[in-house]
Amino acid sequence: MEVTGPCVVGIDEAGRGPVLGPMVYGAAVCEVDKQDCLRDLGCDDSKAMSEQDREAVRDRMRDSGLVRVYTKVLQAEELSRCMLRKRPYNLNAISHDTAAGLVRQILKDGTDIEHLYVDTVGIPERYEAWLRKEFPGIKAITVAKKADSTYAIVGAASIFAKTLRDHILRFWDSPDLDPELRGNYGSGYPGDPATISWLKRAVDPHFGFPGLVRFSWSTSKNVLDATGAVQVAFEEEDSEENQSNILNHFKRKTGKEELPKYFMDRRLCEESNFL
């Protein structure tokens, strides 16, 4: 889609609540004077539509040339690592930062955003105030509950996010996964008996779950505990601060000092005499 004038942008996500699969963020961009056509294409809350209807509306939007789409996929392993690290990066913060990242990419592409609409995560007023501070150049910003059913442009974003997530789940596979477990995991939501059954059958006593599972969800933690599986720890990515701390372990020390927890947990010790 070639943008020639001021635009409206809608942002929404799919897969925030499930214990299985990625969380997908979508952003839809449409010129202001063409946004009324989105309702004619069927844009609405993706959750209120059947899978077949969602895909049909998505295809109509693609064929119309009215909408430019941006997406960001946050895999289950990434969510687990962020939420289980020493300084937890909670789901609200992840969601806010992901949405802001999409807005930055849209602006970087030269789009003139006249109005930004976002389906809220957390308290709408606080989220909106934060976005206004982050993007003072955007003329109007609206953050609201149920924005996907209120604003067609957000409905468009929700449809693209949901259909992409559905596609990822449908074709997800792992070479080490038991063939009987492939594709039989239900909706992925904690309240789905089929999903719980799949989790209980998929758990490994030593390695936990396949990469499709969010270890940070209480549902998966409960299954691990109930089956006596080994607790899984996610290592943090190295930052400049972490690297500086690591280098400190190689400095000469005076007196007897207790080793850091990282070394103690792995039964590592210091050694100064080498043959």
Protein backbone atom coordinates (compact mmCIF):
# COMPACT_ATOMS: atom_id res chain seq x y z
CA MET A 1 0.00 0.00 0.00
CA GLU A 2 1.33 3.44 -0.94
CA VAL A 3 0.46 6.15 1.59
CA THR A 4 -0.12 9.61 0.14
CA GLY A 5 -1.72 11.49 3.02
CA PRO A 6 -2.42 11.60 6.76
CA CYS A 7 -3.26 8.23 8.26
CA VAL A 8 -5.01 6.55 11.13
CA VAL A 9 -3.21 3.69 12.88
CA GLY A 10 -4.79 0.94 14.94
CA ILE A 11 -2.90 -1.44 17.25
CA ASP A 12 -4.11 -4.61 18.92
CA GLU A 13 -2.76 -7.99 20.03
CA ALA A 14 -3.73 -11.62 19.88
CA GLY A 15 -2.70 -14.32 22.35
CA ARG A 16 -2.14 -12.36 25.54
CA GLY A 17 -3.88 -14.90 27.79
CA PRO A 18 -3.02 -18.38 26.41
CA VAL A 19 -0.44 -20.64 28.03
CA LEU A 20 0.56 -21.90 24.58
CA GLY A 21 2.05 -20.13 21.60
CA PRO A 22 3.17 -16.60 20.82
CA MET A 23 1.63 -13.23 21.55
CA VAL A 24 1.25 -11.38 18.27
CA TYR A 25 0.91 -7.62 17.90
CA GLY A 26 -0.59 -6.07 14.79
CA ALA A 27 -0.71 -2.50 13.53
CA ALA A 28 -2.97 -1.42 10.68
CA VAL A 29 -2.39 1.80 8.73
CA CYS A 30 -5.05 3.44 6.55
CA GLU A 31 -5.39 6.90 5.02
CA VAL A 32 -7.83 9.07 6.97
CA ASP A 33 -10.21 9.68 4.08
CA LYS A 34 -10.47 5.93 3.35
CA GLN A 35 -11.00 4.52 6.85
CA ASP A 36 -14.80 4.39 6.51
CA CYS A 37 -14.34 1.68 3.87
CA LEU A 38 -12.94 -0.68 6.52
CA ARG A 39 -16.39 -1.37 8.00
CA ASP A 40 -17.61 -2.30 4.52
CA LEU A 41 -14.80 -4.86 4.35
CA GLY A 42 -16.01 -6.40 7.62
CA CYS A 43 -13.40 -5.08 10.08
CA ASP A 44 -14.47 -5.76 13.66
CA ASP A 45 -13.33 -7.46 16.85
CA SER A 46 -11.53 -10.62 15.67
CA LYS A 47 -12.60 -12.52 18.80
CA ALA A 48 -16.25 -12.17 17.78
CA MET A 49 -15.62 -13.77 14.38
CA SER A 50 -15.14 -17.35 13.28
CA GLU A 51 -11.75 -18.39 11.94
CA GLN A 52 -13.19 -18.63 8.43
CA ASP A 53 -14.70 -15.12 8.62
CA ARG A 54 -11.46 -13.64 9.99
CA GLU A 55 -9.46 -15.05 7.11
CA ALA A 56 -12.02 -13.83 4.59
CA VAL A 57 -11.90 -10.26 5.96
CA ARG A 58 -8.10 -10.38 6.06
CA ASP A 59 -7.98 -11.40 2.40
CA ARG A 60 -10.43 -8.63 1.44
CA MET A 61 -8.26 -6.07 3.21
CA ARG A 62 -5.17 -7.32 1.40
CA ASP A 63 -6.91 -7.22 -1.97
CA SER A 64 -8.34 -3.74 -1.36
CA GLY A 65 -4.95 -2.06 -1.01
CA LEU A 66 -6.41 0.16 1.72
CA VAL A 67 -4.37 -1.17 4.62
CA ARG A 68 -0.67 -1.43 5.37
CA VAL A 69 0.14 -3.99 8.04
CA TYR A 70 2.92 -4.31 10.61
CA THR A 71 3.27 -7.29 12.94
CA LYS A 72 5.50 -8.37 15.80
CA VAL A 73 5.61 -11.97 17.05
CA LEU A 74 6.72 -12.61 20.64
CA GLN A 75 7.39 -16.34 20.97
CA ALA A 76 6.51 -18.28 24.12
CA GLU A 77 10.18 -18.79 24.99
CA GLU A 78 10.83 -15.04 24.76
CA LEU A 79 7.87 -14.26 27.02
CA SER A 80 9.05 -16.85 29.54
CA ARG A 81 12.58 -15.50 29.58
CA CYS A 82 11.38 -11.92 30.08
CA MET A 83 8.92 -12.74 32.84
CA LEU A 84 11.11 -15.21 34.76
CA ARG A 85 14.37 -13.29 34.86
CA LYS A 86 15.73 -11.85 38.12
CA ARG A 87 14.17 -8.49 37.39
CA PRO A 88 10.85 -9.55 35.83
CA TYR A 89 9.73 -7.78 32.68
CA ASN A 90 5.97 -8.06 33.15
CA LEU A 91 3.44 -8.66 30.40
CA ASN A 92 1.98 -5.15 30.53
CA ALA A 93 5.41 -3.58 30.05
CA ILE A 94 6.20 -6.02 27.23
CA SER A 95 2.89 -5.12 25.57
CA HIS A 96 3.40 -1.36 25.89
CA ASP A 97 6.96 -1.51 24.55
CA THR A 98 5.93 -3.73 21.63
CA ALA A 99 3.14 -1.36 20.62
CA ALA A 100 5.51 1.60 20.87
CA GLY A 101 8.04 -0.26 18.73
CA LEU A 102 5.46 -0.70 15.98
CA VAL A 103 4.61 3.00 16.11
CA ARG A 104 8.30 3.91 15.79
CA GLN A 105 8.64 1.67 12.74
CA ILE A 106 5.57 3.24 11.12
CA LEU A 107 6.95 6.74 11.73
CA LYS A 108 10.36 5.66 10.47
CA ASP A 109 8.72 4.65 7.21
CA GLY A 110 7.59 8.23 6.75
CA THR A 111 3.93 7.83 7.68
CA ASP A 112 2.05 10.91 8.85
CA ILE A 113 0.00 9.59 11.77
CA GLU A 114 -2.97 11.85 12.37
CA HIS A 115 -4.68 9.59 14.91
CA LEU A 116 -3.38 6.55 16.78
CA TYR A 117 -5.91 4.12 18.25
CA VAL A 118 -4.77 1.40 20.68
CA ASP A 119 -6.67 -1.36 22.45
CA THR A 120 -5.70 -0.88 26.07
CA VAL A 121 -3.48 -3.01 28.25
CA GLY A 122 -3.88 -1.90 31.84
CA ILE A 123 -5.48 1.42 32.76
CA PRO A 124 -6.36 3.32 29.53
CA GLU A 125 -5.65 6.80 30.90
CA ARG A 126 -2.16 5.89 32.10
CA TYR A 127 -1.31 4.04 28.90
CA GLU A 128 -2.54 6.95 26.78
CA ALA A 129 -0.57 9.48 28.82
CA TRP A 130 2.59 7.36 28.38
CA LEU A 131 2.08 7.15 24.61
CA ARG A 132 1.52 10.90 24.37
CA LYS A 133 4.82 11.44 26.15
CA GLU A 134 6.59 8.94 23.89
CA PHE A 135 5.12 10.37 20.68
CA PRO A 136 4.46 14.10 21.13
CA GLY A 137 4.37 14.61 17.36
CA ILE A 138 1.23 12.50 16.86
CA LYS A 139 -1.78 14.81 16.76
CA ALA A 140 -4.30 12.55 18.50
CA ILE A 141 -3.96 9.35 20.52
CA THR A 142 -6.86 7.27 21.83
CA VAL A 143 -6.41 4.27 24.13
CA ALA A 144 -9.61 2.47 25.01
CA LYS A 145 -11.12 -0.76 26.22
CA LYS A 146 -12.70 -2.86 23.46
CA ALA A 147 -11.14 -0.57 20.88
CA ASP A 148 -11.17 -3.45 18.40
CA SER A 149 -14.98 -3.40 18.32
CA THR A 150 -15.27 0.40 18.55
CA TYR A 151 -12.77 1.50 15.90
CA ALA A 152 -12.57 -0.27 12.54
CA ILE A 153 -8.84 0.40 12.20
CA VAL A 154 -8.17 -1.43 15.50
CA GLY A 155 -10.47 -4.22 14.38
CA ALA A 156 -8.33 -4.53 11.25
CA ALA A 157 -5.19 -4.80 13.38
CA SER A 158 -6.79 -7.45 15.60
CA ILE A 159 -7.75 -9.55 12.57
CA PHE A 160 -4.23 -9.51 11.16
CA ALA A 161 -2.73 -10.36 14.56
CA LYS A 162 -5.20 -13.16 15.26
CA THR A 163 -4.93 -14.81 11.85
CA LEU A 164 -1.13 -14.74 12.05
CA ARG A 165 -1.17 -16.32 15.51
CA ASP A 166 -3.62 -18.98 14.32
CA HIS A 167 -1.32 -19.76 11.38
CA ILE A 168 1.72 -20.10 13.66
CA LEU A 169 -0.14 -22.47 15.98
CA ARG A 170 -1.54 -24.52 13.13
CA PHE A 171 1.86 -25.18 11.61
CA TRP A 172 3.99 -25.23 14.78
CA ASP A 173 6.17 -28.29 15.06
CA SER A 174 9.28 -29.55 16.81
CA PRO A 175 11.53 -32.36 15.59
CA ASP A 176 11.69 -33.82 19.11
CA LEU A 177 7.93 -33.75 19.74
CA ASP A 178 5.98 -36.98 20.01
CA PRO A 179 3.83 -37.26 16.84
CA GLU A 180 0.76 -37.89 19.00
CA LEU A 181 1.14 -34.45 20.55
CA ARG A 182 1.28 -32.51 17.30
CA GLY A 183 -1.73 -30.29 16.78
CA ASN A 184 -3.80 -31.74 19.62
CA TYR A 185 -3.41 -28.91 22.15
CA GLY A 186 -6.86 -27.32 22.03
CA SER A 187 -7.26 -23.54 22.10
CA GLY A 188 -4.13 -22.94 24.18
CA TYR A 189 -6.07 -21.20 26.96
CA PRO A 190 -5.68 -22.31 30.59
CA GLY A 191 -9.40 -23.01 30.94
CA ASP A 192 -9.48 -25.47 28.03
CA PRO A 193 -9.45 -29.11 29.26
CA ALA A 194 -7.83 -30.19 25.98
CA THR A 195 -4.95 -27.76 26.60
CA ILE A 196 -4.45 -28.98 30.18
CA SER A 197 -4.51 -32.58 29.00
CA TRP A 198 -1.91 -31.76 26.34
CA LEU A 199 0.35 -30.05 28.91
CA LYS A 200 0.25 -33.10 31.19
CA ARG A 201 1.18 -35.40 28.31
CA ALA A 202 3.83 -33.07 26.87
CA VAL A 203 5.82 -32.44 30.06
CA ASP A 204 9.29 -33.94 30.24
CA PRO A 205 10.67 -34.68 33.75
CA HIS A 206 14.06 -33.17 32.89
CA PHE A 207 13.44 -30.50 30.23
CA GLY A 208 9.95 -29.33 31.06
CA PHE A 209 7.82 -28.42 28.07
CA PRO A 210 8.34 -27.94 24.33
CA GLY A 211 9.02 -24.41 23.09
CA LEU A 212 5.33 -23.76 22.48
CA VAL A 213 4.64 -23.46 26.22
CA ARG A 214 4.92 -20.32 28.35
CA PHE A 215 6.74 -21.46 31.48
CA SER A 216 5.88 -18.19 33.20
CA TRP A 217 2.16 -19.02 33.37
CA SER A 218 0.87 -20.49 36.65
CA THR A 219 -0.90 -23.20 34.63
CA SER A 220 2.37 -24.63 33.33
CA LYS A 221 4.07 -24.20 36.72
CA ASN A 222 1.29 -26.21 38.38
CA VAL A 223 1.69 -29.05 35.88
CA LEU A 224 5.47 -29.09 36.44
CA ASP A 225 4.96 -29.26 40.20
CA ALA A 226 2.29 -31.95 39.97
CA THR A 227 4.47 -34.20 37.80
CA GLY A 228 7.63 -33.70 39.87
CA ALA A 229 9.54 -32.30 36.90
CA VAL A 230 12.78 -30.39 37.39
CA GLN A 231 12.28 -26.65 37.62
CA VAL A 232 13.48 -24.86 34.50
CA ALA A 233 15.59 -21.69 34.83
CA PHE A 234 15.91 -19.14 32.04
CA GLU A 235 19.28 -17.41 31.80
CA GLU A 236 19.25 -13.65 31.30
CA GLU A 237 20.79 -12.15 28.20
CA ASP A 238 24.13 -10.50 28.86
CA SER A 239 23.94 -6.76 29.37
CA GLU A 240 26.81 -4.34 29.89
CA GLU A 241 26.04 -4.47 33.61
CA ASN A 242 26.11 -8.27 33.68
CA GLN A 243 29.34 -8.38 31.68
CA SER A 244 30.94 -5.94 34.10
CA ASN A 245 29.91 -8.13 37.03
CA ILE A 246 31.35 -11.22 35.34
CA LEU A 247 34.69 -9.50 34.82
CA ASN A 248 34.83 -8.75 38.53
CA HIS A 249 35.11 -12.50 39.21
CA PHE A 250 38.54 -12.53 37.59
CA LYS A 251 39.99 -9.73 39.68
CA ARG A 252 42.45 -10.65 42.43
CA LYS A 253 40.76 -10.67 45.82
CA THR A 254 42.12 -10.54 49.34
CA GLY A 255 40.79 -12.75 52.12
CA LYS A 256 38.20 -15.47 51.89
CA GLU A 257 35.02 -14.35 50.17
CA GLU A 258 31.89 -16.31 49.35
CA LEU A 259 31.43 -17.01 45.67
CA PRO A 260 28.46 -15.46 43.86
CA LYS A 261 25.27 -17.51 43.69
CA TYR A 262 25.82 -18.23 39.97
CA PHE A 263 29.00 -20.18 40.83
CA MET A 264 27.55 -21.84 43.93
CA ASP A 265 24.51 -23.16 42.05
CA ARG A 266 26.75 -24.74 39.43
CA ARG A 267 29.28 -26.02 41.98
CA LEU A 268 32.08 -24.03 40.40
CA CYS A 269 35.14 -22.92 42.34
CA GLU A 270 38.05 -20.58 41.89
CA GLU A 271 41.42 -22.05 40.96
CA SER A 272 44.72 -20.20 40.86
CA ASN A 273 47.24 -23.05 40.50
CA PHE A 274 47.53 -24.55 37.03
CA LEU A 275 49.98 -27.20 35.86
